[in-house]
Amino acid sequence: MVSSVVVFTYKARNNTIKYEREKMKSGLNLLKIIEELRKFDAQIEAQAVAVFFFVSVYGDKDGISMQKISEDLDIAQSSVSRNVYKLSDINRHKKTGIGLLEAFEDPMERRRKIVRLTAKGRRVYSTLLEWVK
């Protein structure tokens, strides 16, 4: 009986150590992702990162509306627009942007803007996703 308790305690300790190692690895991978995104813009804001990942996860080949991004992330429409353009080829100041997203008018409702990943954005997201796995 005593030996089974010792074995159980040993297994529990190994599982705790394994869990802690996995947690540390996950945390390091998240830091790696942030550093990779900072290569595009050293001052990138958390909202821009959230918009990028939201479009990556929920936007399909047809894209997702800025209004949906705003509602689901609880970010003002103006902030979504600013961050989308920061992540686009040309930012709102008409300077070269990061090139991860593209925004365009909805062909059915011209007042609505649709956002989707560019080819570069898909490559970056795919690479970052591998680091999380």
N, C-alpha and C. Protein backbone atom coordinates (compact mmCIF):
# COMPACT_ATOMS: atom_id res chain seq x y z
N MET A 1 0.82 -1.20 0.00
CA MET A 1 0.00 0.00 0.00
C MET A 1 0.86 1.25 0.00
N VAL A 2 1.88 1.27 0.80
CA VAL A 2 2.76 2.44 0.88
C VAL A 2 3.43 2.69 -0.46
N SER A 3 3.86 1.66 -1.14
CA SER A 3 4.56 1.84 -2.40
C SER A 3 3.66 2.45 -3.47
N SER A 4 2.36 2.08 -3.48
CA SER A 4 1.46 2.67 -4.47
C SER A 4 1.24 4.15 -4.21
N VAL A 5 1.24 4.57 -2.97
CA VAL A 5 1.11 5.99 -2.63
C VAL A 5 2.33 6.75 -3.11
N VAL A 6 3.49 6.16 -2.92
CA VAL A 6 4.73 6.79 -3.37
C VAL A 6 4.73 6.91 -4.89
N VAL A 7 4.32 5.85 -5.58
CA VAL A 7 4.26 5.89 -7.05
C VAL A 7 3.26 6.94 -7.49
N PHE A 8 2.10 7.00 -6.86
CA PHE A 8 1.09 7.99 -7.21
C PHE A 8 1.63 9.41 -7.00
N THR A 9 2.27 9.63 -5.87
CA THR A 9 2.85 10.94 -5.59
C THR A 9 3.91 11.28 -6.62
N TYR A 10 4.71 10.33 -7.00
CA TYR A 10 5.75 10.55 -8.00
C TYR A 10 5.13 10.91 -9.34
N LYS A 11 4.09 10.19 -9.74
CA LYS A 11 3.41 10.47 -11.00
C LYS A 11 2.76 11.85 -10.96
N ALA A 12 2.13 12.18 -9.84
CA ALA A 12 1.50 13.49 -9.71
C ALA A 12 2.55 14.60 -9.82
N ARG A 13 3.69 14.42 -9.19
CA ARG A 13 4.76 15.40 -9.26
C ARG A 13 5.26 15.54 -10.69
N ASN A 14 5.44 14.43 -11.39
CA ASN A 14 5.88 14.48 -12.79
C ASN A 14 4.86 15.19 -13.66
N ASN A 15 3.56 14.97 -13.42
CA ASN A 15 2.53 15.65 -14.19
C ASN A 15 2.56 17.15 -13.90
N THR A 16 2.79 17.52 -12.65
CA THR A 16 2.88 18.94 -12.30
C THR A 16 4.07 19.58 -12.99
N ILE A 17 5.20 18.89 -12.97
CA ILE A 17 6.40 19.41 -13.64
C ILE A 17 6.15 19.52 -15.13
N LYS A 18 5.53 18.50 -15.71
CA LYS A 18 5.23 18.52 -17.15
C LYS A 18 4.29 19.68 -17.47
N TYR A 19 3.26 19.87 -16.64
CA TYR A 19 2.31 20.97 -16.84
C TYR A 19 3.02 22.31 -16.77
N GLU A 20 3.89 22.48 -15.79
CA GLU A 20 4.63 23.73 -15.63
C GLU A 20 5.54 23.98 -16.83
N ARG A 21 6.19 22.93 -17.33
CA ARG A 21 7.04 23.08 -18.52
C ARG A 21 6.22 23.49 -19.74
N GLU A 22 5.05 22.85 -19.90
CA GLU A 22 4.17 23.20 -21.03
C GLU A 22 3.67 24.62 -20.91
N LYS A 23 3.33 25.03 -19.68
CA LYS A 23 2.86 26.40 -19.45
C LYS A 23 3.97 27.40 -19.78
N MET A 24 5.20 27.09 -19.37
CA MET A 24 6.32 27.97 -19.64
C MET A 24 6.57 28.04 -21.15
N LYS A 25 6.51 26.89 -21.82
CA LYS A 25 6.73 26.85 -23.26
C LYS A 25 5.66 27.67 -23.98
N SER A 26 4.40 27.54 -23.54
CA SER A 26 3.32 28.31 -24.14
C SER A 26 3.54 29.80 -23.95
N GLY A 27 3.93 30.20 -22.75
CA GLY A 27 4.20 31.61 -22.47
C GLY A 27 5.34 32.14 -23.33
N LEU A 28 6.40 31.34 -23.48
CA LEU A 28 7.53 31.75 -24.33
C LEU A 28 7.11 31.86 -25.78
N ASN A 29 6.23 30.95 -26.22
CA ASN A 29 5.73 31.03 -27.59
C ASN A 29 4.90 32.28 -27.81
N LEU A 30 4.11 32.67 -26.82
CA LEU A 30 3.33 33.90 -26.94
C LEU A 30 4.25 35.12 -27.02
N LEU A 31 5.29 35.12 -26.21
CA LEU A 31 6.27 36.21 -26.29
C LEU A 31 6.94 36.24 -27.66
N LYS A 32 7.23 35.08 -28.19
CA LYS A 32 7.84 34.97 -29.51
C LYS A 32 6.90 35.56 -30.59
N ILE A 33 5.61 35.29 -30.45
CA ILE A 33 4.62 35.83 -31.39
C ILE A 33 4.60 37.36 -31.31
N ILE A 34 4.58 37.88 -30.10
CA ILE A 34 4.57 39.34 -29.93
C ILE A 34 5.82 39.95 -30.54
N GLU A 35 6.97 39.35 -30.29
CA GLU A 35 8.22 39.87 -30.86
C GLU A 35 8.21 39.80 -32.38
N GLU A 36 7.62 38.76 -32.93
CA GLU A 36 7.53 38.64 -34.39
C GLU A 36 6.66 39.76 -34.96
N LEU A 37 5.54 40.05 -34.32
CA LEU A 37 4.68 41.13 -34.78
C LEU A 37 5.36 42.49 -34.60
N ARG A 38 6.19 42.62 -33.57
CA ARG A 38 6.91 43.88 -33.36
C ARG A 38 7.97 44.12 -34.42
N LYS A 39 8.36 43.10 -35.16
CA LYS A 39 9.30 43.28 -36.27
C LYS A 39 8.66 44.13 -37.37
N PHE A 40 7.34 44.04 -37.49
CA PHE A 40 6.63 44.84 -38.49
C PHE A 40 6.46 46.28 -38.02
N ASP A 41 6.22 46.43 -36.72
CA ASP A 41 6.03 47.75 -36.13
C ASP A 41 6.40 47.65 -34.65
N ALA A 42 7.47 48.29 -34.28
CA ALA A 42 7.96 48.20 -32.89
C ALA A 42 6.96 48.76 -31.89
N GLN A 43 6.05 49.63 -32.34
CA GLN A 43 5.07 50.26 -31.45
C GLN A 43 3.67 49.68 -31.63
N ILE A 44 3.55 48.48 -32.17
CA ILE A 44 2.23 47.91 -32.45
C ILE A 44 1.40 47.80 -31.17
N GLU A 45 0.14 48.22 -31.26
CA GLU A 45 -0.74 48.22 -30.10
C GLU A 45 -1.47 46.89 -29.97
N ALA A 46 -1.93 46.62 -28.75
CA ALA A 46 -2.67 45.38 -28.48
C ALA A 46 -3.94 45.31 -29.34
N GLN A 47 -4.60 46.44 -29.58
CA GLN A 47 -5.80 46.44 -30.42
C GLN A 47 -5.49 46.00 -31.84
N ALA A 48 -4.35 46.43 -32.36
CA ALA A 48 -3.97 46.02 -33.72
C ALA A 48 -3.72 44.52 -33.77
N VAL A 49 -3.08 43.99 -32.75
CA VAL A 49 -2.83 42.55 -32.67
C VAL A 49 -4.16 41.81 -32.59
N ALA A 50 -5.09 42.32 -31.77
CA ALA A 50 -6.40 41.69 -31.63
C ALA A 50 -7.16 41.70 -32.95
N VAL A 51 -7.12 42.82 -33.67
CA VAL A 51 -7.80 42.91 -34.96
C VAL A 51 -7.18 41.91 -35.94
N PHE A 52 -5.86 41.84 -35.99
CA PHE A 52 -5.20 40.89 -36.89
C PHE A 52 -5.63 39.46 -36.60
N PHE A 53 -5.59 39.05 -35.33
CA PHE A 53 -5.96 37.68 -35.00
C PHE A 53 -7.45 37.43 -35.19
N PHE A 54 -8.29 38.42 -34.93
CA PHE A 54 -9.73 38.25 -35.14
C PHE A 54 -10.02 38.00 -36.62
N VAL A 55 -9.42 38.81 -37.48
CA VAL A 55 -9.63 38.62 -38.92
C VAL A 55 -9.05 37.28 -39.36
N SER A 56 -7.93 36.89 -38.79
CA SER A 56 -7.30 35.62 -39.14
C SER A 56 -8.18 34.44 -38.78
N VAL A 57 -8.81 34.51 -37.62
CA VAL A 57 -9.61 33.39 -37.12
C VAL A 57 -11.02 33.38 -37.72
N TYR A 58 -11.68 34.55 -37.76
CA TYR A 58 -13.09 34.59 -38.14
C TYR A 58 -13.35 35.05 -39.58
N GLY A 59 -12.38 35.66 -40.20
CA GLY A 59 -12.58 36.10 -41.57
C GLY A 59 -12.29 34.96 -42.53
N ASP A 60 -13.16 34.79 -43.50
CA ASP A 60 -12.90 33.77 -44.51
C ASP A 60 -12.34 34.45 -45.76
N LYS A 61 -12.35 33.76 -46.90
CA LYS A 61 -11.79 34.35 -48.12
C LYS A 61 -12.56 35.59 -48.57
N ASP A 62 -13.84 35.68 -48.15
CA ASP A 62 -14.64 36.85 -48.50
C ASP A 62 -14.44 37.99 -47.52
N GLY A 63 -13.84 37.71 -46.38
CA GLY A 63 -13.56 38.74 -45.38
C GLY A 63 -14.64 38.85 -44.33
N ILE A 64 -14.48 39.85 -43.48
CA ILE A 64 -15.40 40.11 -42.38
C ILE A 64 -15.57 41.63 -42.27
N SER A 65 -16.75 42.06 -41.88
CA SER A 65 -17.02 43.50 -41.85
C SER A 65 -16.33 44.17 -40.65
N MET A 66 -15.97 45.43 -40.86
CA MET A 66 -15.39 46.20 -39.75
C MET A 66 -16.38 46.32 -38.61
N GLN A 67 -17.66 46.39 -38.93
CA GLN A 67 -18.68 46.49 -37.90
C GLN A 67 -18.67 45.24 -37.01
N LYS A 68 -18.56 44.07 -37.62
CA LYS A 68 -18.52 42.81 -36.86
C LYS A 68 -17.28 42.77 -35.96
N ILE A 69 -16.15 43.20 -36.49
CA ILE A 69 -14.92 43.26 -35.69
C ILE A 69 -15.14 44.18 -34.49
N SER A 70 -15.71 45.35 -34.75
CA SER A 70 -15.96 46.34 -33.70
C SER A 70 -16.88 45.77 -32.61
N GLU A 71 -17.96 45.13 -33.03
CA GLU A 71 -18.92 44.59 -32.07
C GLU A 71 -18.31 43.45 -31.24
N ASP A 72 -17.66 42.53 -31.91
CA ASP A 72 -17.16 41.33 -31.21
C ASP A 72 -15.96 41.63 -30.31
N LEU A 73 -15.11 42.55 -30.72
CA LEU A 73 -13.95 42.89 -29.90
C LEU A 73 -14.25 44.03 -28.93
N ASP A 74 -15.44 44.62 -29.06
CA ASP A 74 -15.83 45.75 -28.21
C ASP A 74 -14.82 46.90 -28.32
N ILE A 75 -14.52 47.21 -29.57
CA ILE A 75 -13.60 48.31 -29.90
C ILE A 75 -14.39 49.30 -30.76
N ALA A 76 -14.18 50.58 -30.56
CA ALA A 76 -14.88 51.59 -31.34
C ALA A 76 -14.60 51.40 -32.83
N GLN A 77 -15.61 51.69 -33.65
CA GLN A 77 -15.48 51.55 -35.10
C GLN A 77 -14.27 52.34 -35.63
N SER A 78 -14.04 53.53 -35.08
CA SER A 78 -12.91 54.34 -35.52
C SER A 78 -11.58 53.67 -35.19
N SER A 79 -11.51 52.99 -34.05
CA SER A 79 -10.28 52.29 -33.67
C SER A 79 -10.05 51.08 -34.57
N VAL A 80 -11.12 50.38 -34.90
CA VAL A 80 -10.98 49.25 -35.83
C VAL A 80 -10.46 49.75 -37.16
N SER A 81 -11.06 50.81 -37.66
CA SER A 81 -10.64 51.37 -38.94
C SER A 81 -9.17 51.79 -38.91
N ARG A 82 -8.77 52.48 -37.86
CA ARG A 82 -7.38 52.93 -37.72
C ARG A 82 -6.42 51.73 -37.69
N ASN A 83 -6.78 50.69 -36.94
CA ASN A 83 -5.91 49.52 -36.84
C ASN A 83 -5.89 48.70 -38.12
N VAL A 84 -7.01 48.61 -38.80
CA VAL A 84 -7.03 47.91 -40.09
C VAL A 84 -6.11 48.61 -41.07
N TYR A 85 -6.20 49.93 -41.12
CA TYR A 85 -5.34 50.65 -42.06
C TYR A 85 -3.87 50.59 -41.65
N LYS A 86 -3.61 50.53 -40.37
CA LYS A 86 -2.22 50.36 -39.91
C LYS A 86 -1.66 49.02 -40.38
N LEU A 87 -2.52 48.01 -40.43
CA LEU A 87 -2.12 46.66 -40.84
C LEU A 87 -2.23 46.43 -42.35
N SER A 88 -2.68 47.45 -43.08
CA SER A 88 -2.85 47.35 -44.53
C SER A 88 -1.58 47.77 -45.27
N ASP A 89 -1.62 47.69 -46.59
CA ASP A 89 -0.46 48.09 -47.42
C ASP A 89 -0.15 49.57 -47.30
N ILE A 90 -1.19 50.38 -47.29
CA ILE A 90 -1.03 51.83 -47.17
C ILE A 90 -1.81 52.26 -45.93
N ASN A 91 -1.13 52.94 -45.00
CA ASN A 91 -1.83 53.34 -43.78
C ASN A 91 -2.63 54.62 -44.01
N ARG A 92 -3.29 55.09 -42.98
CA ARG A 92 -4.17 56.25 -43.13
C ARG A 92 -3.41 57.55 -43.40
N HIS A 93 -2.11 57.54 -43.21
CA HIS A 93 -1.28 58.71 -43.51
C HIS A 93 -0.65 58.60 -44.89
N LYS A 94 -1.14 57.64 -45.68
CA LYS A 94 -0.66 57.40 -47.06
C LYS A 94 0.80 56.97 -47.09
N LYS A 95 1.26 56.33 -46.01
CA LYS A 95 2.61 55.79 -45.96
C LYS A 95 2.53 54.28 -46.05
N THR A 96 3.65 53.65 -46.34
CA THR A 96 3.69 52.20 -46.45
C THR A 96 3.30 51.57 -45.13
N GLY A 97 2.34 50.66 -45.20
CA GLY A 97 1.87 49.96 -44.02
C GLY A 97 2.52 48.59 -43.89
N ILE A 98 1.94 47.77 -43.04
CA ILE A 98 2.51 46.45 -42.74
C ILE A 98 2.15 45.43 -43.82
N GLY A 99 0.95 45.54 -44.39
CA GLY A 99 0.56 44.66 -45.49
C GLY A 99 -0.02 43.31 -45.08
N LEU A 100 -0.59 43.23 -43.89
CA LEU A 100 -1.17 41.96 -43.43
C LEU A 100 -2.67 41.86 -43.74
N LEU A 101 -3.35 43.00 -43.82
CA LEU A 101 -4.78 43.04 -44.09
C LEU A 101 -5.07 43.91 -45.29
N GLU A 102 -6.25 43.68 -45.88
CA GLU A 102 -6.74 44.59 -46.92
C GLU A 102 -8.20 44.89 -46.63
N ALA A 103 -8.60 46.12 -46.89
CA ALA A 103 -9.97 46.56 -46.67
C ALA A 103 -10.54 47.02 -48.00
N PHE A 104 -11.81 46.72 -48.20
CA PHE A 104 -12.46 47.11 -49.45
C PHE A 104 -13.95 47.28 -49.20
N GLU A 105 -14.62 47.96 -50.12
CA GLU A 105 -16.06 48.17 -50.00
C GLU A 105 -16.79 46.86 -50.23
N ASP A 106 -17.86 46.67 -49.47
CA ASP A 106 -18.74 45.52 -49.70
C ASP A 106 -19.47 45.78 -51.02
N PRO A 107 -19.38 44.87 -51.98
CA PRO A 107 -20.04 45.12 -53.27
C PRO A 107 -21.56 45.23 -53.15
N MET A 108 -22.15 44.66 -52.13
CA MET A 108 -23.61 44.72 -51.95
C MET A 108 -24.05 45.95 -51.16
N GLU A 109 -23.18 46.49 -50.34
CA GLU A 109 -23.48 47.65 -49.49
C GLU A 109 -22.23 48.51 -49.45
N ARG A 110 -22.15 49.51 -50.30
CA ARG A 110 -20.93 50.28 -50.49
C ARG A 110 -20.48 51.03 -49.24
N ARG A 111 -21.37 51.27 -48.30
CA ARG A 111 -21.00 51.98 -47.07
C ARG A 111 -20.23 51.08 -46.11
N ARG A 112 -20.37 49.78 -46.30
CA ARG A 112 -19.75 48.82 -45.38
C ARG A 112 -18.36 48.43 -45.90
N LYS A 113 -17.39 48.36 -44.98
CA LYS A 113 -16.03 47.94 -45.33
C LYS A 113 -15.82 46.50 -44.89
N ILE A 114 -15.19 45.74 -45.77
CA ILE A 114 -14.87 44.35 -45.51
C ILE A 114 -13.35 44.24 -45.35
N VAL A 115 -12.91 43.38 -44.45
CA VAL A 115 -11.49 43.21 -44.17
C VAL A 115 -11.14 41.73 -44.36
N ARG A 116 -10.00 41.49 -44.97
CA ARG A 116 -9.51 40.11 -45.08
C ARG A 116 -7.98 40.12 -45.07
N LEU A 117 -7.43 38.94 -44.85
CA LEU A 117 -5.98 38.78 -44.84
C LEU A 117 -5.42 38.89 -46.26
N THR A 118 -4.26 39.47 -46.38
CA THR A 118 -3.53 39.42 -47.64
C THR A 118 -2.76 38.09 -47.68
N ALA A 119 -2.11 37.81 -48.78
CA ALA A 119 -1.30 36.58 -48.86
C ALA A 119 -0.21 36.62 -47.79
N LYS A 120 0.39 37.79 -47.60
CA LYS A 120 1.40 37.95 -46.56
C LYS A 120 0.79 37.70 -45.18
N GLY A 121 -0.41 38.22 -44.94
CA GLY A 121 -1.10 38.03 -43.68
C GLY A 121 -1.38 36.56 -43.41
N ARG A 122 -1.78 35.82 -44.45
CA ARG A 122 -2.03 34.38 -44.28
C ARG A 122 -0.75 33.64 -43.93
N ARG A 123 0.36 34.02 -44.58
CA ARG A 123 1.66 33.38 -44.27
C ARG A 123 2.08 33.67 -42.84
N VAL A 124 1.96 34.92 -42.43
CA VAL A 124 2.34 35.30 -41.06
C VAL A 124 1.48 34.57 -40.05
N TYR A 125 0.16 34.55 -40.26
CA TYR A 125 -0.74 33.87 -39.33
C TYR A 125 -0.41 32.38 -39.26
N SER A 126 -0.16 31.77 -40.38
CA SER A 126 0.18 30.34 -40.41
C SER A 126 1.46 30.07 -39.61
N THR A 127 2.45 30.91 -39.78
CA THR A 127 3.71 30.76 -39.04
C THR A 127 3.48 30.94 -37.54
N LEU A 128 2.75 31.96 -37.16
CA LEU A 128 2.49 32.22 -35.74
C LEU A 128 1.66 31.10 -35.12
N LEU A 129 0.73 30.56 -35.88
CA LEU A 129 -0.11 29.48 -35.39
C LEU A 129 0.71 28.24 -35.09
N GLU A 130 1.73 27.99 -35.88
CA GLU A 130 2.59 26.84 -35.64
C GLU A 130 3.33 26.96 -34.30
N TRP A 131 3.67 28.18 -33.91
CA TRP A 131 4.39 28.39 -32.66
C TRP A 131 3.52 28.10 -31.44
N VAL A 132 2.21 28.24 -31.60
CA VAL A 132 1.30 28.02 -30.49
C VAL A 132 1.06 26.52 -30.29
N LYS A 133 1.13 25.75 -31.34
CA LYS A 133 0.84 24.31 -31.25
C LYS A 133 1.87 23.56 -30.47
